[in-house]
C-alpha atoms as a PDB file:
ATOM      1  CA  MET A   1     -23.844  20.666   6.977  1.00  0.00           C
ATOM      2  CA  GLY A   2     -23.351  17.135   8.935  1.00  0.00           C
ATOM      3  CA  TYR A   3     -20.224  15.396  10.490  1.00  0.00           C
ATOM      4  CA  ILE A   4     -19.453  11.709  11.690  1.00  0.00           C
ATOM      5  CA  THR A   5     -16.591  11.083  14.289  1.00  0.00           C
ATOM      6  CA  HIS A   6     -15.467   7.849  15.740  1.00  0.00           C
ATOM      7  CA  SER A   7     -13.090   8.133  18.340  1.00  0.00           C
ATOM      8  CA  ASP A   8     -12.015   5.378  20.381  1.00  0.00           C
ATOM      9  CA  PRO A   9      -8.868   6.231  22.550  1.00  0.00           C
ATOM     10  CA  LYS A  10      -9.150   2.517  24.532  1.00  0.00           C
ATOM     11  CA  GLY A  11      -9.610   4.177  27.833  1.00  0.00           C
ATOM     12  CA  SER A  12      -7.316   6.191  27.783  1.00  0.00           C
ATOM     13  CA  LEU A  13      -9.779   9.188  28.308  1.00  0.00           C
ATOM     14  CA  PRO A  14     -13.139   8.951  29.993  1.00  0.00           C
ATOM     15  CA  ILE A  15     -16.043   8.762  27.577  1.00  0.00           C
ATOM     16  CA  TRP A  16     -17.622  11.833  28.997  1.00  0.00           C
ATOM     17  CA  LEU A  17     -14.714  14.097  27.525  1.00  0.00           C
ATOM     18  CA  VAL A  18     -14.750  12.401  24.412  1.00  0.00           C
ATOM     19  CA  ASN A  19     -18.016  13.150  23.656  1.00  0.00           C
ATOM     20  CA  LYS A  20     -17.796  16.544  24.749  1.00  0.00           C
ATOM     21  CA  LEU A  21     -14.427  17.232  22.938  1.00  0.00           C
ATOM     22  CA  THR A  22     -16.093  15.816  19.462  1.00  0.00           C
ATOM     23  CA  GLN A  23     -19.308  18.201  20.147  1.00  0.00           C
ATOM     24  CA  VAL A  24     -17.008  21.190  20.288  1.00  0.00           C
ATOM     25  CA  PHE A  25     -13.777  20.384  18.525  1.00  0.00           C
ATOM     26  CA  ALA A  26     -15.564  19.830  15.233  1.00  0.00           C
ATOM     27  CA  PRO A  27     -17.985  22.270  14.638  1.00  0.00           C
ATOM     28  CA  LYS A  28     -15.100  24.653  15.542  1.00  0.00           C
ATOM     29  CA  MET A  29     -12.522  23.055  13.203  1.00  0.00           C
ATOM     30  CA  ALA A  30     -15.519  23.084  10.379  1.00  0.00           C
ATOM     31  CA  LYS A  31     -16.186  26.968  10.988  1.00  0.00           C
ATOM     32  CA  ARG A  32     -11.944  27.530  10.488  1.00  0.00           C
ATOM     33  CA  LEU A  33     -11.822  25.677   7.290  1.00  0.00           C
ATOM     34  CA  TYR A  34     -14.916  27.261   5.693  1.00  0.00           C
ATOM     35  CA  LYS A  35     -13.729  30.491   6.763  1.00  0.00           C
ATOM     36  CA  ALA A  36     -10.002  29.869   5.597  1.00  0.00           C
ATOM     37  CA  SER A  37     -11.373  28.775   2.425  1.00  0.00           C
ATOM     38  CA  LEU A  38     -12.978  31.685   2.040  1.00  0.00           C
ATOM     39  CA  GLY A  39      -9.499  33.754   1.549  1.00  0.00           C
ATOM     40  CA  TYR A  40      -7.743  30.587   0.003  1.00  0.00           C
ATOM     41  CA  GLU A  41      -8.223  32.306  -3.580  1.00  0.00           C
ATOM     42  CA  ASP A  42      -6.617  35.448  -2.670  1.00  0.00           C
ATOM     43  CA  TRP A  43      -4.081  33.487  -1.075  1.00  0.00           C
ATOM     44  CA  LYS A  44      -3.229  31.539  -3.746  1.00  0.00           C
ATOM     45  CA  ARG A  45      -2.764  34.059  -6.689  1.00  0.00           C
ATOM     46  CA  VAL A  46      -0.097  36.183  -4.238  1.00  0.00           C
ATOM     47  CA  ASN A  47       1.557  32.687  -3.174  1.00  0.00           C
ATOM     48  CA  ASN A  48       3.005  30.517  -6.010  1.00  0.00           C
ATOM     49  CA  PRO A  49      -0.448  30.501  -8.064  1.00  0.00           C
ATOM     50  CA  LYS A  50       0.848  28.640 -10.806  1.00  0.00           C
ATOM     51  CA  LEU A  51       2.244  25.827  -8.511  1.00  0.00           C
ATOM     52  CA  LYS A  52      -0.301  22.595  -7.907  1.00  0.00           C
ATOM     53  CA  PRO A  53       1.485  19.830  -7.230  1.00  0.00           C
ATOM     54  CA  TRP A  54      -1.527  17.757  -6.547  1.00  0.00           C
ATOM     55  CA  LEU A  55      -2.558  17.954 -10.425  1.00  0.00           C
ATOM     56  CA  CYS A  56       1.109  18.022 -11.705  1.00  0.00           C
ATOM     57  CA  PRO A  57       3.411  15.585  -9.996  1.00  0.00           C
ATOM     58  CA  GLU A  58       6.775  17.159 -11.745  1.00  0.00           C
ATOM     59  CA  GLN A  59       6.280  20.090  -9.629  1.00  0.00           C
ATOM     60  CA  MET A  60       6.745  17.906  -6.353  1.00  0.00           C
ATOM     61  CA  THR A  61      10.368  18.571  -4.697  1.00  0.00           C
ATOM     62  CA  THR A  62      10.149  16.429  -2.298  1.00  0.00           C
ATOM     63  CA  PRO A  63      11.468  12.839  -2.759  1.00  0.00           C
ATOM     64  CA  ARG A  64       8.617  10.004  -3.030  1.00  0.00           C
ATOM     65  CA  ILE A  65       7.875   7.654   0.096  1.00  0.00           C
ATOM     66  CA  GLN A  66       8.743   4.306  -1.240  1.00  0.00           C
ATOM     67  CA  LEU A  67       5.454   2.433  -0.117  1.00  0.00           C
ATOM     68  CA  ASN A  68       6.776  -1.146  -0.217  1.00  0.00           C
ATOM     69  CA  ARG A  69       9.300  -0.455   1.780  1.00  0.00           C
ATOM     70  CA  PHE A  70       6.604   0.924   4.334  1.00  0.00           C
ATOM     71  CA  LEU A  71       4.054  -2.089   3.718  1.00  0.00           C
ATOM     72  CA  LYS A  72       6.708  -4.898   4.562  1.00  0.00           C
ATOM     73  CA  GLU A  73       7.676  -2.613   7.558  1.00  0.00           C
ATOM     74  CA  GLU A  74       4.493  -2.116   8.640  1.00  0.00           C
ATOM     75  CA  THR A  75       3.448  -5.951   8.092  1.00  0.00           C
ATOM     76  CA  HIS A  76       6.671  -6.924  10.220  1.00  0.00           C
ATOM     77  CA  ARG A  77       5.649  -4.839  12.954  1.00  0.00           C
ATOM     78  CA  SER A  78       1.750  -5.805  12.844  1.00  0.00           C
ATOM     79  CA  THR A  79       3.000  -9.665  13.066  1.00  0.00           C
ATOM     80  CA  ASP A  80       5.168  -8.746  16.264  1.00  0.00           C
ATOM     81  CA  SER A  81       2.737  -6.749  18.000  1.00  0.00           C
ATOM     82  CA  LEU A  82       0.199 -10.039  17.585  1.00  0.00           C
ATOM     83  CA  ASN A  83       2.713 -12.413  18.432  1.00  0.00           C
ATOM     84  CA  ASP A  84       3.091 -10.445  22.041  1.00  0.00           C
ATOM     85  CA  VAL A  85      -0.652 -10.323  22.196  1.00  0.00           C
ATOM     86  CA  ALA A  86      -0.802 -13.828  22.247  1.00  0.00           C
ATOM     87  CA  GLY A  87       2.149 -14.388  24.466  1.00  0.00           C
ATOM     88  CA  VAL A  88       0.288 -12.360  27.039  1.00  0.00           C
ATOM     89  CA  GLU A  89      -3.009 -13.975  26.845  1.00  0.00           C
ATOM     90  CA  GLU A  90      -1.462 -17.421  27.375  1.00  0.00           C
ATOM     91  CA  GLU A  91       0.262 -16.038  30.600  1.00  0.00           C
ATOM     92  CA  ALA A  92      -2.892 -14.830  31.685  1.00  0.00           C
ATOM     93  CA  GLU A  93      -4.680 -18.411  30.752  1.00  0.00           C
ATOM     94  CA  SER A  94      -2.067 -20.104  32.702  1.00  0.00           C
ATOM     95  CA  SER A  95      -2.221 -17.805  36.016  1.00  0.00           C
ATOM     96  CA  HIS A  96      -5.378 -19.230  36.527  1.00  0.00           C
ATOM     97  CA  PHE A  97      -4.015 -22.264  37.347  1.00  0.00           C
ATOM     98  CA  LEU A  98      -1.435 -20.950  40.285  1.00  0.00           C
ATOM     99  CA  ASN A  99      -1.858 -21.969  44.050  1.00  0.00           C
ATOM    100  CA  GLU A 100      -1.594 -19.323  46.410  1.00  0.00           C
ATOM    101  CA  GLU A 101       2.260 -19.393  46.557  1.00  0.00           C
ATOM    102  CA  GLY A 102       1.986 -18.808  43.217  1.00  0.00           C
ATOM    103  CA  ASP A 103       3.051 -22.312  41.700  1.00  0.00           C
ATOM    104  CA  ALA A 104       1.613 -23.775  39.108  1.00  0.00           C
ATOM    105  CA  LEU A 105      -0.727 -26.421  39.758  1.00  0.00           C
END
């Protein structure tokens, strides 16, 4: 079995730590998932064997997420964050033209 990871904590964690965690955590997680899958059929026989909402959506009891509301909100958020980034970049560019007292040149 092989696995591929992609992690970019944007400098929050040192690269060596991210690499080490990937080397240790991913294989352990794969082994635990495999081990859990071996006992799944026995577990399912005891715990609602006919409940399969991934095959029969009518069995779902939780309310459905309205994706159109979520997507509109996310689009608005991402637009706001882009505007924030643009404002920071403009400030950074204009700060290059300040004298020692901080006055604009």
